[in-house]
């Protein structure tokens, strides 16, 4: 699989995220593209596993995204919960940035 072009790397502000629709990705949930402070782009299922909030609206810092609703934290690398109240991990997807374009590999582990 060559991946799906989902955004330009410049479309994602550092420390923030954007949503890619499930209509574009073919996934069960929308996908949050999140950019860490070092410019690395990560992809997680967008919906927080605790309550229905968008992780793309959260805060990206120190390799984690914090949900804007109740501050659950998820690891950007693997989707593991690293802060309550969430208790279930989210799904991480492989992403590649090539020539300034972001390619998503839905369902593939990073």
Protein backbone atom coordinates (compact mmCIF):
# COMPACT_ATOMS: atom_id res chain seq x y z
CA UNK A 1 0.00 0.00 0.00
CA UNK A 2 1.31 3.44 -0.88
CA UNK A 3 -0.75 5.38 1.62
CA UNK A 4 -3.45 8.01 1.19
CA UNK A 5 -2.38 11.64 0.78
CA UNK A 6 -4.39 13.37 3.51
CA UNK A 7 -2.78 16.79 4.05
CA UNK A 8 0.22 19.00 3.52
CA UNK A 9 2.54 18.97 6.52
CA UNK A 10 2.18 22.76 6.70
CA UNK A 11 -1.60 22.39 7.22
CA UNK A 12 -1.01 21.04 10.74
CA UNK A 13 0.08 23.66 13.30
CA UNK A 14 2.85 22.60 15.68
CA UNK A 15 1.38 21.39 18.97
CA UNK A 16 -2.07 20.95 17.43
CA UNK A 17 -4.06 18.66 15.17
CA UNK A 18 -6.48 18.47 12.27
CA UNK A 19 -9.23 15.97 11.46
CA UNK A 20 -9.27 13.74 8.39
CA UNK A 21 -12.74 12.42 7.64
CA UNK A 22 -13.47 8.70 7.76
CA UNK A 23 -15.01 9.22 4.31
CA UNK A 24 -11.51 9.90 3.01
CA UNK A 25 -9.68 7.23 5.03
CA UNK A 26 -12.20 4.37 4.98
CA UNK A 27 -11.69 3.91 8.73
CA UNK A 28 -14.31 3.37 11.43
CA UNK A 29 -13.46 6.71 13.08
CA UNK A 30 -12.16 10.02 11.78
CA UNK A 31 -8.38 10.33 12.09
CA UNK A 32 -6.57 13.05 14.05
CA UNK A 33 -3.29 14.16 12.47
CA UNK A 34 -1.23 15.61 15.30
CA UNK A 35 2.08 17.49 15.12
CA UNK A 36 4.49 17.29 18.05
CA UNK A 37 6.84 20.14 19.05
CA UNK A 38 9.65 18.62 16.97
CA UNK A 39 7.48 18.66 13.83
CA UNK A 40 6.77 14.92 13.77
CA UNK A 41 3.29 14.05 12.50
CA UNK A 42 1.29 11.28 14.19
CA UNK A 43 -2.13 9.77 13.52
CA UNK A 44 -4.64 8.50 16.07
CA UNK A 45 -8.33 7.71 15.92
CA UNK A 46 -9.93 11.09 16.55
CA UNK A 47 -12.57 10.22 19.15
CA UNK A 48 -11.41 10.03 22.76
CA UNK A 49 -12.09 6.59 24.26
CA UNK A 50 -13.50 8.17 27.43
CA UNK A 51 -16.15 10.51 26.02
CA UNK A 52 -17.03 11.80 22.59
CA UNK A 53 -14.45 14.54 22.12
CA UNK A 54 -12.08 15.20 19.23
CA UNK A 55 -8.42 14.55 20.02
CA UNK A 56 -7.54 16.88 17.14
CA UNK A 57 -8.94 19.68 19.33
CA UNK A 58 -6.60 18.65 22.17
CA UNK A 59 -3.12 19.78 23.18
CA UNK A 60 -0.03 18.07 21.78
CA UNK A 61 2.98 18.10 24.06
CA UNK A 62 5.85 15.83 25.10
CA UNK A 63 4.79 12.96 22.82
CA UNK A 64 1.17 12.96 24.00
CA UNK A 65 -2.18 14.46 23.13
CA UNK A 66 -4.46 15.65 25.91
CA UNK A 67 -8.20 15.43 25.31
CA UNK A 68 -9.86 18.86 25.52
CA UNK A 69 -12.88 17.53 27.45
CA UNK A 70 -11.53 15.76 30.55
CA UNK A 71 -7.74 15.85 30.02
CA UNK A 72 -7.21 12.14 29.24
CA UNK A 73 -3.74 11.69 27.72
CA UNK A 74 -2.73 9.36 24.89
CA UNK A 75 0.74 8.46 23.61
CA UNK A 76 1.22 9.71 20.04
CA UNK A 77 3.45 6.75 19.11
CA UNK A 78 1.10 3.91 20.02
CA UNK A 79 -2.22 5.33 21.27
CA UNK A 80 -1.77 4.03 24.83
CA UNK A 81 -3.60 5.81 27.64
CA UNK A 82 -1.22 7.77 29.84
CA UNK A 83 -3.70 9.79 31.88
CA UNK A 84 -7.12 9.18 33.35
CA UNK A 85 -10.10 9.31 33.11
CA UNK A 86 -9.72 7.28 29.87
CA UNK A 87 -8.89 3.62 30.50
CA UNK A 88 -8.95 2.26 26.91
CA UNK A 89 -6.17 2.86 24.39
CA UNK A 90 -6.96 4.48 21.06
CA UNK A 91 -5.75 3.27 17.66
CA UNK A 92 -2.51 4.63 16.19
CA UNK A 93 -1.93 4.61 12.42
CA UNK A 94 1.29 4.81 10.40
CA UNK A 95 2.04 8.16 8.78
CA UNK A 96 4.79 9.23 6.40
CA UNK A 97 5.73 12.75 5.38
CA UNK A 98 7.22 12.86 1.87
CA UNK A 99 8.08 16.10 0.07
CA UNK A 100 5.92 18.07 2.50
CA UNK A 101 2.87 15.84 1.98
CA UNK A 102 1.32 13.64 4.70
CA UNK A 103 0.43 10.07 3.74
CA UNK A 104 -1.73 7.92 6.01
CA UNK A 105 -1.64 4.13 6.13
CA UNK A 106 -4.96 3.31 7.85
CA UNK A 107 -4.85 0.30 10.12
CA UNK A 108 -1.04 -0.08 9.93
CA UNK A 109 0.86 0.30 13.19
CA UNK A 110 3.34 3.21 13.27
